[in-house]
């Protein structure tokens, strides 16, 4: 599933690494994030401690229940 198809507030697990904006944190495969919103080509996601990630909207993800 593509990240742009996921509703806001959903936890996702990154399946395939994709582009991030210059200077952004890498969203590596296996990382679980909470999708906050999509803004154009990139998203605004956070990990369990609040670090911000901006994976591309077309990144392959799967729905995840939570960080537990």
C-alpha atoms as a PDB file:
ATOM      1  CA  UNK A   1       0.000   0.000   0.000  1.00  0.00           C
ATOM      2  CA  UNK A   2       1.234   3.507  -0.726  1.00  0.00           C
ATOM      3  CA  UNK A   3       1.604   5.971   2.125  1.00  0.00           C
ATOM      4  CA  UNK A   4      -0.751   8.425   0.390  1.00  0.00           C
ATOM      5  CA  UNK A   5      -3.573   5.844   0.735  1.00  0.00           C
ATOM      6  CA  UNK A   6      -3.246   5.674   4.544  1.00  0.00           C
ATOM      7  CA  UNK A   7      -5.541   7.774   6.791  1.00  0.00           C
ATOM      8  CA  UNK A   8      -4.012  10.362   9.130  1.00  0.00           C
ATOM      9  CA  UNK A   9      -3.123   9.091  12.583  1.00  0.00           C
ATOM     10  CA  UNK A  10      -2.398   5.565  11.360  1.00  0.00           C
ATOM     11  CA  UNK A  11       0.715   3.649  12.389  1.00  0.00           C
ATOM     12  CA  UNK A  12       2.650   2.304   9.412  1.00  0.00           C
ATOM     13  CA  UNK A  13       5.686   0.108   8.912  1.00  0.00           C
ATOM     14  CA  UNK A  14       7.998   1.135   6.062  1.00  0.00           C
ATOM     15  CA  UNK A  15       8.313  -1.705   3.530  1.00  0.00           C
ATOM     16  CA  UNK A  16      10.653  -0.091   1.023  1.00  0.00           C
ATOM     17  CA  UNK A  17      13.012   2.822   1.511  1.00  0.00           C
ATOM     18  CA  UNK A  18      12.333   5.779  -0.714  1.00  0.00           C
ATOM     19  CA  UNK A  19      13.327   9.377  -1.119  1.00  0.00           C
ATOM     20  CA  UNK A  20      13.355  11.913   1.695  1.00  0.00           C
ATOM     21  CA  UNK A  21      13.952  15.651   1.376  1.00  0.00           C
ATOM     22  CA  UNK A  22      17.573  16.811   1.652  1.00  0.00           C
ATOM     23  CA  UNK A  23      18.634  16.864   5.297  1.00  0.00           C
ATOM     24  CA  UNK A  24      15.690  14.717   6.411  1.00  0.00           C
ATOM     25  CA  UNK A  25      15.890  11.567   8.554  1.00  0.00           C
ATOM     26  CA  UNK A  26      16.012   8.354   6.525  1.00  0.00           C
ATOM     27  CA  UNK A  27      12.881   6.244   6.705  1.00  0.00           C
ATOM     28  CA  UNK A  28      14.543   2.824   6.565  1.00  0.00           C
ATOM     29  CA  UNK A  29      12.692  -0.414   5.897  1.00  0.00           C
ATOM     30  CA  UNK A  30      11.169  -1.844   9.068  1.00  0.00           C
ATOM     31  CA  UNK A  31      10.739   1.527  10.780  1.00  0.00           C
ATOM     32  CA  UNK A  32       7.311   2.057  12.390  1.00  0.00           C
ATOM     33  CA  UNK A  33       5.957   5.603  12.184  1.00  0.00           C
ATOM     34  CA  UNK A  34       2.727   7.458  12.851  1.00  0.00           C
ATOM     35  CA  UNK A  35       1.434   9.340   9.813  1.00  0.00           C
ATOM     36  CA  UNK A  36       0.524  12.890  10.770  1.00  0.00           C
ATOM     37  CA  UNK A  37      -0.219  14.256   7.278  1.00  0.00           C
ATOM     38  CA  UNK A  38       0.777  14.308   3.608  1.00  0.00           C
ATOM     39  CA  UNK A  39       1.890  17.631   2.168  1.00  0.00           C
ATOM     40  CA  UNK A  40       2.543  17.346  -1.532  1.00  0.00           C
ATOM     41  CA  UNK A  41       5.316  14.866  -2.360  1.00  0.00           C
ATOM     42  CA  UNK A  42       6.350  14.203   1.224  1.00  0.00           C
ATOM     43  CA  UNK A  43       4.695  13.263   4.481  1.00  0.00           C
ATOM     44  CA  UNK A  44       5.056  14.338   8.077  1.00  0.00           C
ATOM     45  CA  UNK A  45       5.522  11.279  10.307  1.00  0.00           C
ATOM     46  CA  UNK A  46       6.873  10.726  13.804  1.00  0.00           C
ATOM     47  CA  UNK A  47       8.438   7.780  15.571  1.00  0.00           C
ATOM     48  CA  UNK A  48       7.665   6.660  19.112  1.00  0.00           C
ATOM     49  CA  UNK A  49       9.925   9.270  20.725  1.00  0.00           C
ATOM     50  CA  UNK A  50       8.822  12.173  18.528  1.00  0.00           C
ATOM     51  CA  UNK A  51      11.588  12.237  15.909  1.00  0.00           C
ATOM     52  CA  UNK A  52      10.248  13.631  12.635  1.00  0.00           C
ATOM     53  CA  UNK A  53      10.514  11.812   9.290  1.00  0.00           C
ATOM     54  CA  UNK A  54       9.390  12.905   5.837  1.00  0.00           C
ATOM     55  CA  UNK A  55       9.111   9.775   3.665  1.00  0.00           C
ATOM     56  CA  UNK A  56       7.828  10.283   0.132  1.00  0.00           C
ATOM     57  CA  UNK A  57       4.065   9.982  -0.258  1.00  0.00           C
ATOM     58  CA  UNK A  58       4.533   7.017  -2.617  1.00  0.00           C
ATOM     59  CA  UNK A  59       6.594   4.956  -0.124  1.00  0.00           C
ATOM     60  CA  UNK A  60       5.386   1.357   0.264  1.00  0.00           C
ATOM     61  CA  UNK A  61       4.028   0.720   3.778  1.00  0.00           C
ATOM     62  CA  UNK A  62       1.826  -1.678   5.691  1.00  0.00           C
ATOM     63  CA  UNK A  63      -0.653  -0.797   8.426  1.00  0.00           C
ATOM     64  CA  UNK A  64       0.715  -1.418  11.929  1.00  0.00           C
ATOM     65  CA  UNK A  65      -1.272  -1.606  15.162  1.00  0.00           C
ATOM     66  CA  UNK A  66       1.036   0.523  17.341  1.00  0.00           C
ATOM     67  CA  UNK A  67       4.637   0.824  18.516  1.00  0.00           C
ATOM     68  CA  UNK A  68       4.180  -2.026  20.970  1.00  0.00           C
END
